Amino acid sequence: MEIIFAILFLTSYHLIKKNWGKSKLFSEESVYCLRNPIEDDDYYTDKQKLIIEYLKMHKSEKESVLLKRCNTTIIVIRNLIDKGAIEKMPYKKLSTKEIFQLIITLIILAFSFIIINYFILVKINLRYYGIFIFIMLFLYFGLSLIHYYLKFSVKLFKNIVVLAGLFFFLFSIFYLIFGGRAFTHAKAYSELIEVKEADFLNDINTVDINNLPVVDKSYGSKLGSLKLGEFPGIGSEFETGEYSDIIYQGKQYLVAPLEYRGFFKWSANNDAGTPGYILIDKVTSETQLINIRENTGQGMKFVPSAFFGQDLVRHAYYSGLSKYRLENKFFEIDEDGNPYYILQYSLPTIFINGGHKIKKIAVVNAINGEVSVYDPDDVPAWVESVYPNTLIVKQLNYWGSLQNGWLNSVFAQRGVLETSQGTRVIMNEGELFYFTGMTSVGSDESTIGFIYANMKTKETKLYRFSGATEEAAMNKVLTLIAQRNISSSFPFPLNISDNPTYFLLIKGEDGRILRYVFMKIQDLEFYSISETSKLDAYNRFIVKLSEDDDSVSTKIQGTITDITSYVNNGFTIYWVEINNDKRYMINVGSFLNDEMIYFISRDIGDEIEFYVVGSNVVDFGQ
């Protein structure tokens, strides 16, 4: 917004400078009135008498009109001034009509600025630079109109503009450079976020492979487009918006609103609103188009792609949020599937305009536009997106770089840390977290640890251990198959049997999943890869862990009391109950034929021996 104002201001300045003294608005034209003419017919010439008589009738007049109406010259006028008969007015005396015109013009100017603000949405808060530019432009154009009517001295007008411009320039330097920057408030910036160190293996639960998500936002966008293509009547007028990570009824989902495809699609549908949203199960990839307009007769009217009063951001702005800066907006649904937008607003907290923190959360009903405003700690239980990842990452970088002062962050860089490239949303113990790595400035593809920042509470933990960055892992997996035009998903951090592990997907050009990969964070050469399923890749990884470290696996001996099975991606999965107690999983695809013969030869009531990691059988004790 400040950039837009700066462009407007510089454009106005350029036009003023270019036309200074040339246009009627800025050219100096004197206005004359009678002063104290002498009642002596012989004292004035005929031309001078004509001017005096004209001014007696009209009270005052501009120089150009006098010259024309009295058919005289500027020399005649100057002689009258020397004789004390007329004088140059400091400003023009306005008639009642002209006063009325000036007032109406100023009202129109004020109304035009209100209309402009309707579209650009200036933050009405003296902590933000944009409001000062807006006020300065209004005052300048207002002063120009007053000068146009009163015709006071152009020299005075220019002096006012130059002095005001100089003051505003100096004010801008102070405001923008010293208003609250990191180099003068390094300590305050480093404390914008509190980071606690914790133990990864204790805090992060061992992975439940059945609930491990395989759909990221990139893949979800493909799935959503395919689903929308099944409804050509909807797809021709609407498109999917940005996807949000949510927990819906205890499961991980991606959700995206249906947005208008431009102004004309909005104008044709604004009474009914958009049909609904796309909902994608991140674990199973099941994709649904939830058509709430069809089900309830009411669509989503207040969305980012709407216009005028239905525009989401404008609607929230005029609902009492004009003094805050909008950091981000997310689409979410409550536990009943009702659609809402979550808007995150911040205010500066360091000196005048530095160090933004989230201060208000607006929850906007996408159907009826009802706006509920909460403090960050008081949002409804179903709201996940309280703190935006962009602000979290920015504050983490302040924390990592400014612990020992601003000068150290620029020159010596002792102990300076920064976030690695990218973030991912992950779920742990039923809560969503932003995940990103922390690296030393100037380091190669290694990380000093990982950050988990709670999306709802902002509770942030650093799990400090060395390993490869997310980018290094993504580059590594692309070397595992000899195929062009492939890409890697952003790594998903896991705890697999007390081993920090990345889970990644190798995807084709069309977004399809080509391979499932598990890879040690601390050793990228230790990995498993599968073309069939994440379960197969996981079992292969478990087997490698068992082979690499005998202490990882546990020996199980007992009597088989039950056996059940099912087929997953072409492989038979057995669940074996031992001693009427715990069940253990055997994936046929993870074993050689000789090993499986040992198992198949056993039946209920037989003794068996095998080794497990968690509940997965990794080896038979034959």
Foldseek 3Di string as FASTA:
>chain_A
DVVVLVVVVVVVVVVCVVCACPDLLQPAWWKKAFFDDDPDPVVADPLLVLLLVVRVVVRMGTPVVSCVVSVDDVVNVVVCVVVRGMDTDQWADDDPVLVVVLVVVLVVLVVVLVVVCLPVQAQPAPLDPSVVSSVVVSVLVNVSSVCSSTSGDSVVNVVVVVVVVVVVVVVCCCSVPVQFDCQVVLVVLLVLADAAADACPVAFDFDDLQQDFDDDQVLLQLLQVVQVVVPVVQVVFWDWDGWDWFQAPNATKIKTWTAGPAAVSCVVCLVQERQTIWIAGRRPRDIDGRGVCVVPVHYFNQDCRHDRCSHNVSVVCVVPRSNWDWDDKHWDAANVRFIWIKTWTWAADGRRHHDIDTAWIWIARRGPGDIDIDGLVDDDPRDQAHDDPVSLQSSVQSSQQSPPHDVCSPPVQVRHKHWDPDWGWDDGPSFIWIKTFIDRPPDDQKGQFMWTATRRPRHIYTNGDMFGGQVVLFVVVVVVDPDPQKGKDRWDWRQHLNFTKTWMFIAHNSSHTQKTKIAGRHHRVQMFIDRQDNVLRVLLSQLSVCVVDVVQKDKDKAFFADWDWDDGSRWIWIWTDGPVDHTAIETPSLDDPVQVVVVVVDDGGDIFMFIDRPRYTNGGPD
